[in-house]
Amino acid sequence: MNYDSVDKNLAIELAKDLMKNPHVKPVYTQDGIAFALNDAVYSFNDLVSIFLDSIEKIKEW
């Protein structure tokens, strides 16, 4: 999928803000630092990708 730079920047900022949430805990994995939310662990790239997908879905509404 082709994302524009505004969407990418927004997704990065949303991921950064999510990491500041007290319910999101940093964890150390073989691949580096990831973030635990509930029972799932996400890399920073995973979080950005999730937000980018959500932005695209919102734009389709």
PDB file of N, CA and C in Angstrom:
ATOM      1  N   MET A   1       0.846  -1.175   0.000  1.00  0.00           N
ATOM      2  CA  MET A   1       0.000   0.000   0.000  1.00  0.00           C
ATOM      3  C   MET A   1       0.891   1.237   0.000  1.00  0.00           C
ATOM      4  N   ASN A   2       0.440   2.265  -0.669  1.00  0.00           N
ATOM      5  CA  ASN A   2       1.222   3.485  -0.801  1.00  0.00           C
ATOM      6  C   ASN A   2       0.673   4.557   0.145  1.00  0.00           C
ATOM      7  N   TYR A   3       1.440   4.879   1.179  1.00  0.00           N
ATOM      8  CA  TYR A   3       1.017   5.872   2.167  1.00  0.00           C
ATOM      9  C   TYR A   3       1.716   7.195   1.888  1.00  0.00           C
ATOM     10  N   ASP A   4       1.008   8.303   2.104  1.00  0.00           N
ATOM     11  CA  ASP A   4       1.673   9.588   1.925  1.00  0.00           C
ATOM     12  C   ASP A   4       2.414   9.975   3.209  1.00  0.00           C
ATOM     13  N   SER A   5       3.288  10.953   3.101  1.00  0.00           N
ATOM     14  CA  SER A   5       4.164  11.312   4.225  1.00  0.00           C
ATOM     15  C   SER A   5       3.382  11.865   5.415  1.00  0.00           C
ATOM     16  N   VAL A   6       2.269  12.526   5.171  1.00  0.00           N
ATOM     17  CA  VAL A   6       1.455  13.053   6.271  1.00  0.00           C
ATOM     18  C   VAL A   6       0.898  11.892   7.092  1.00  0.00           C
ATOM     19  N   ASP A   7       0.404  10.866   6.396  1.00  0.00           N
ATOM     20  CA  ASP A   7      -0.121   9.694   7.095  1.00  0.00           C
ATOM     21  C   ASP A   7       0.979   8.982   7.877  1.00  0.00           C
ATOM     22  N   LYS A   8       2.155   8.861   7.283  1.00  0.00           N
ATOM     23  CA  LYS A   8       3.277   8.211   7.966  1.00  0.00           C
ATOM     24  C   LYS A   8       3.667   8.980   9.225  1.00  0.00           C
ATOM     25  N   ASN A   9       3.753  10.289   9.107  1.00  0.00           N
ATOM     26  CA  ASN A   9       4.117  11.109  10.268  1.00  0.00           C
ATOM     27  C   ASN A   9       3.068  11.022  11.356  1.00  0.00           C
ATOM     28  N   LEU A  10       1.806  11.030  10.975  1.00  0.00           N
ATOM     29  CA  LEU A  10       0.727  10.902  11.958  1.00  0.00           C
ATOM     30  C   LEU A  10       0.814   9.547  12.649  1.00  0.00           C
ATOM     31  N   ALA A  11       1.035   8.481  11.900  1.00  0.00           N
ATOM     32  CA  ALA A  11       1.133   7.140  12.487  1.00  0.00           C
ATOM     33  C   ALA A  11       2.321   7.053  13.448  1.00  0.00           C
ATOM     34  N   ILE A  12       3.428   7.662  13.108  1.00  0.00           N
ATOM     35  CA  ILE A  12       4.600   7.673  13.994  1.00  0.00           C
ATOM     36  C   ILE A  12       4.286   8.419  15.279  1.00  0.00           C
ATOM     37  N   GLU A  13       3.636   9.564  15.175  1.00  0.00           N
ATOM     38  CA  GLU A  13       3.293  10.340  16.366  1.00  0.00           C
ATOM     39  C   GLU A  13       2.289   9.586  17.245  1.00  0.00           C
ATOM     40  N   LEU A  14       1.338   8.917  16.631  1.00  0.00           N
ATOM     41  CA  LEU A  14       0.373   8.140  17.409  1.00  0.00           C
ATOM     42  C   LEU A  14       1.073   6.985  18.139  1.00  0.00           C
ATOM     43  N   ALA A  15       2.009   6.338  17.470  1.00  0.00           N
ATOM     44  CA  ALA A  15       2.761   5.247  18.107  1.00  0.00           C
ATOM     45  C   ALA A  15       3.590   5.784  19.276  1.00  0.00           C
ATOM     46  N   LYS A  16       4.213   6.936  19.096  1.00  0.00           N
ATOM     47  CA  LYS A  16       4.993   7.548  20.183  1.00  0.00           C
ATOM     48  C   LYS A  16       4.091   7.862  21.379  1.00  0.00           C
ATOM     49  N   ASP A  17       2.920   8.422  21.087  1.00  0.00           N
ATOM     50  CA  ASP A  17       1.987   8.751  22.170  1.00  0.00           C
ATOM     51  C   ASP A  17       1.502   7.494  22.883  1.00  0.00           C
ATOM     52  N   LEU A  18       1.251   6.437  22.133  1.00  0.00           N
ATOM     53  CA  LEU A  18       0.812   5.185  22.749  1.00  0.00           C
ATOM     54  C   LEU A  18       1.886   4.641  23.688  1.00  0.00           C
ATOM     55  N   MET A  19       3.138   4.755  23.306  1.00  0.00           N
ATOM     56  CA  MET A  19       4.231   4.252  24.138  1.00  0.00           C
ATOM     57  C   MET A  19       4.325   4.998  25.465  1.00  0.00           C
ATOM     58  N   LYS A  20       3.785   6.201  25.525  1.00  0.00           N
ATOM     59  CA  LYS A  20       3.793   6.981  26.766  1.00  0.00           C
ATOM     60  C   LYS A  20       2.683   6.555  27.729  1.00  0.00           C
ATOM     61  N   ASN A  21       1.740   5.765  27.236  1.00  0.00           N
ATOM     62  CA  ASN A  21       0.635   5.289  28.052  1.00  0.00           C
ATOM     63  C   ASN A  21       1.177   4.393  29.162  1.00  0.00           C
ATOM     64  N   PRO A  22       0.743   4.586  30.403  1.00  0.00           N
ATOM     65  CA  PRO A  22       1.278   3.781  31.506  1.00  0.00           C
ATOM     66  C   PRO A  22       0.935   2.292  31.410  1.00  0.00           C
ATOM     67  N   HIS A  23      -0.042   1.930  30.585  1.00  0.00           N
ATOM     68  CA  HIS A  23      -0.403   0.522  30.422  1.00  0.00           C
ATOM     69  C   HIS A  23       0.468  -0.187  29.387  1.00  0.00           C
ATOM     70  N   VAL A  24       1.282   0.567  28.675  1.00  0.00           N
ATOM     71  CA  VAL A  24       2.189   0.000  27.673  1.00  0.00           C
ATOM     72  C   VAL A  24       3.574  -0.078  28.300  1.00  0.00           C
ATOM     73  N   LYS A  25       4.105  -1.289  28.357  1.00  0.00           N
ATOM     74  CA  LYS A  25       5.400  -1.520  29.011  1.00  0.00           C
ATOM     75  C   LYS A  25       6.465  -1.900  27.992  1.00  0.00           C
ATOM     76  N   PRO A  26       7.651  -1.307  28.078  1.00  0.00           N
ATOM     77  CA  PRO A  26       8.732  -1.736  27.190  1.00  0.00           C
ATOM     78  C   PRO A  26       9.229  -3.122  27.608  1.00  0.00           C
ATOM     79  N   VAL A  27       9.515  -3.954  26.632  1.00  0.00           N
ATOM     80  CA  VAL A  27      10.078  -5.275  26.884  1.00  0.00           C
ATOM     81  C   VAL A  27      11.253  -5.463  25.935  1.00  0.00           C
ATOM     82  N   TYR A  28      12.196  -6.272  26.343  1.00  0.00           N
ATOM     83  CA  TYR A  28      13.378  -6.518  25.537  1.00  0.00           C
ATOM     84  C   TYR A  28      13.246  -7.873  24.866  1.00  0.00           C
ATOM     85  N   THR A  29      13.384  -7.886  23.539  1.00  0.00           N
ATOM     86  CA  THR A  29      13.276  -9.109  22.758  1.00  0.00           C
ATOM     87  C   THR A  29      14.585  -9.347  22.017  1.00  0.00           C
ATOM     88  N   GLN A  30      14.655 -10.439  21.289  1.00  0.00           N
ATOM     89  CA  GLN A  30      15.844 -10.716  20.474  1.00  0.00           C
ATOM     90  C   GLN A  30      16.057  -9.637  19.422  1.00  0.00           C
ATOM     91  N   ASP A  31      14.967  -9.044  18.961  1.00  0.00           N
ATOM     92  CA  ASP A  31      15.046  -8.030  17.912  1.00  0.00           C
ATOM     93  C   ASP A  31      15.231  -6.621  18.451  1.00  0.00           C
ATOM     94  N   GLY A  32      15.263  -6.460  19.768  1.00  0.00           N
ATOM     95  CA  GLY A  32      15.416  -5.140  20.367  1.00  0.00           C
ATOM     96  C   GLY A  32      14.268  -4.849  21.312  1.00  0.00           C
ATOM     97  N   ILE A  33      13.971  -3.588  21.442  1.00  0.00           N
ATOM     98  CA  ILE A  33      12.902  -3.166  22.351  1.00  0.00           C
ATOM     99  C   ILE A  33      11.560  -3.296  21.642  1.00  0.00           C
ATOM    100  N   ALA A  34      10.594  -3.852  22.356  1.00  0.00           N
ATOM    101  CA  ALA A  34       9.217  -3.941  21.874  1.00  0.00           C
ATOM    102  C   ALA A  34       8.322  -3.397  22.985  1.00  0.00           C
ATOM    103  N   PHE A  35       7.037  -3.410  22.745  1.00  0.00           N
ATOM    104  CA  PHE A  35       6.110  -2.806  23.696  1.00  0.00           C
ATOM    105  C   PHE A  35       4.964  -3.767  23.965  1.00  0.00           C
ATOM    106  N   ALA A  36       4.727  -4.033  25.245  1.00  0.00           N
ATOM    107  CA  ALA A  36       3.683  -4.969  25.653  1.00  0.00           C
ATOM    108  C   ALA A  36       2.416  -4.195  25.991  1.00  0.00           C
ATOM    109  N   LEU A  37       1.332  -4.621  25.395  1.00  0.00           N
ATOM    110  CA  LEU A  37       0.019  -4.033  25.636  1.00  0.00           C
ATOM    111  C   LEU A  37      -0.941  -5.193  25.821  1.00  0.00           C
ATOM    112  N   ASN A  38      -1.523  -5.269  26.997  1.00  0.00           N
ATOM    113  CA  ASN A  38      -2.342  -6.420  27.375  1.00  0.00           C
ATOM    114  C   ASN A  38      -1.485  -7.673  27.277  1.00  0.00           C
ATOM    115  N   ASP A  39      -1.886  -8.633  26.474  1.00  0.00           N
ATOM    116  CA  ASP A  39      -1.125  -9.878  26.358  1.00  0.00           C
ATOM    117  C   ASP A  39      -0.299  -9.944  25.083  1.00  0.00           C
ATOM    118  N   ALA A  40      -0.229  -8.861  24.333  1.00  0.00           N
ATOM    119  CA  ALA A  40       0.476  -8.855  23.052  1.00  0.00           C
ATOM    120  C   ALA A  40       1.732  -7.980  23.135  1.00  0.00           C
ATOM    121  N   VAL A  41       2.719  -8.332  22.313  1.00  0.00           N
ATOM    122  CA  VAL A  41       3.965  -7.568  22.237  1.00  0.00           C
ATOM    123  C   VAL A  41       4.120  -7.069  20.802  1.00  0.00           C
ATOM    124  N   TYR A  42       4.381  -5.774  20.653  1.00  0.00           N
ATOM    125  CA  TYR A  42       4.489  -5.139  19.348  1.00  0.00           C
ATOM    126  C   TYR A  42       5.824  -4.400  19.224  1.00  0.00           C
ATOM    127  N   SER A  43       6.432  -4.481  18.055  1.00  0.00           N
ATOM    128  CA  SER A  43       7.592  -3.638  17.780  1.00  0.00           C
ATOM    129  C   SER A  43       7.072  -2.239  17.426  1.00  0.00           C
ATOM    130  N   PHE A  44       7.974  -1.278  17.398  1.00  0.00           N
ATOM    131  CA  PHE A  44       7.582   0.072  17.005  1.00  0.00           C
ATOM    132  C   PHE A  44       7.028   0.043  15.579  1.00  0.00           C
ATOM    133  N   ASN A  45       7.674  -0.714  14.692  1.00  0.00           N
ATOM    134  CA  ASN A  45       7.200  -0.815  13.307  1.00  0.00           C
ATOM    135  C   ASN A  45       5.801  -1.412  13.239  1.00  0.00           C
ATOM    136  N   ASP A  46       5.530  -2.403  14.085  1.00  0.00           N
ATOM    137  CA  ASP A  46       4.187  -2.991  14.128  1.00  0.00           C
ATOM    138  C   ASP A  46       3.150  -1.943  14.516  1.00  0.00           C
ATOM    139  N   LEU A  47       3.469  -1.150  15.526  1.00  0.00           N
ATOM    140  CA  LEU A  47       2.536  -0.114  15.975  1.00  0.00           C
ATOM    141  C   LEU A  47       2.264   0.905  14.873  1.00  0.00           C
ATOM    142  N   VAL A  48       3.320   1.347  14.213  1.00  0.00           N
ATOM    143  CA  VAL A  48       3.154   2.318  13.129  1.00  0.00           C
ATOM    144  C   VAL A  48       2.298   1.717  12.015  1.00  0.00           C
ATOM    145  N   SER A  49       2.551   0.470  11.679  1.00  0.00           N
ATOM    146  CA  SER A  49       1.789  -0.202  10.632  1.00  0.00           C
ATOM    147  C   SER A  49       0.304  -0.306  10.995  1.00  0.00           C
ATOM    148  N   ILE A  50       0.019  -0.637  12.233  1.00  0.00           N
ATOM    149  CA  ILE A  50      -1.376  -0.722  12.693  1.00  0.00           C
ATOM    150  C   ILE A  50      -2.055   0.638  12.563  1.00  0.00           C
ATOM    151  N   PHE A  51      -1.356   1.691  12.978  1.00  0.00           N
ATOM    152  CA  PHE A  51      -1.944   3.027  12.863  1.00  0.00           C
ATOM    153  C   PHE A  51      -2.116   3.438  11.402  1.00  0.00           C
ATOM    154  N   LEU A  52      -1.150   3.112  10.545  1.00  0.00           N
ATOM    155  CA  LEU A  52      -1.291   3.436   9.115  1.00  0.00           C
ATOM    156  C   LEU A  52      -2.504   2.736   8.511  1.00  0.00           C
ATOM    157  N   ASP A  53      -2.686   1.472   8.835  1.00  0.00           N
ATOM    158  CA  ASP A  53      -3.851   0.741   8.338  1.00  0.00           C
ATOM    159  C   ASP A  53      -5.148   1.383   8.829  1.00  0.00           C
ATOM    160  N   SER A  54      -5.164   1.795  10.080  1.00  0.00           N
ATOM    161  CA  SER A  54      -6.357   2.436  10.648  1.00  0.00           C
ATOM    162  C   SER A  54      -6.633   3.774   9.970  1.00  0.00           C
ATOM    163  N   ILE A  55      -5.602   4.538   9.691  1.00  0.00           N
ATOM    164  CA  ILE A  55      -5.765   5.820   8.997  1.00  0.00           C
ATOM    165  C   ILE A  55      -6.376   5.597   7.626  1.00  0.00           C
ATOM    166  N   GLU A  56      -5.895   4.580   6.915  1.00  0.00           N
ATOM    167  CA  GLU A  56      -6.440   4.275   5.589  1.00  0.00           C
ATOM    168  C   GLU A  56      -7.911   3.877   5.660  1.00  0.00           C
ATOM    169  N   LYS A  57      -8.275   3.089   6.663  1.00  0.00           N
ATOM    170  CA  LYS A  57      -9.670   2.686   6.828  1.00  0.00           C
ATOM    171  C   LYS A  57     -10.550   3.900   7.110  1.00  0.00           C
ATOM    172  N   ILE A  58     -10.056   4.813   7.934  1.00  0.00           N
ATOM    173  CA  ILE A  58     -10.819   6.023   8.265  1.00  0.00           C
ATOM    174  C   ILE A  58     -11.007   6.880   7.005  1.00  0.00           C
ATOM    175  N   LYS A  59      -9.967   6.968   6.188  1.00  0.00           N
ATOM    176  CA  LYS A  59     -10.071   7.769   4.957  1.00  0.00           C
ATOM    177  C   LYS A  59     -11.092   7.192   3.985  1.00  0.00           C
ATOM    178  N   GLU A  60     -11.301   5.874   4.042  1.00  0.00           N
ATOM    179  CA  GLU A  60     -12.272   5.230   3.150  1.00  0.00           C
ATOM    180  C   GLU A  60     -13.708   5.498   3.576  1.00  0.00           C
ATOM    181  N   TRP A  61     -13.944   5.869   4.816  1.00  0.00           N
ATOM    182  CA  TRP A  61     -15.301   6.152   5.284  1.00  0.00           C
ATOM    183  C   TRP A  61     -15.792   7.318   4.532  1.00  0.00           C
TER     184      TRP A  61
END
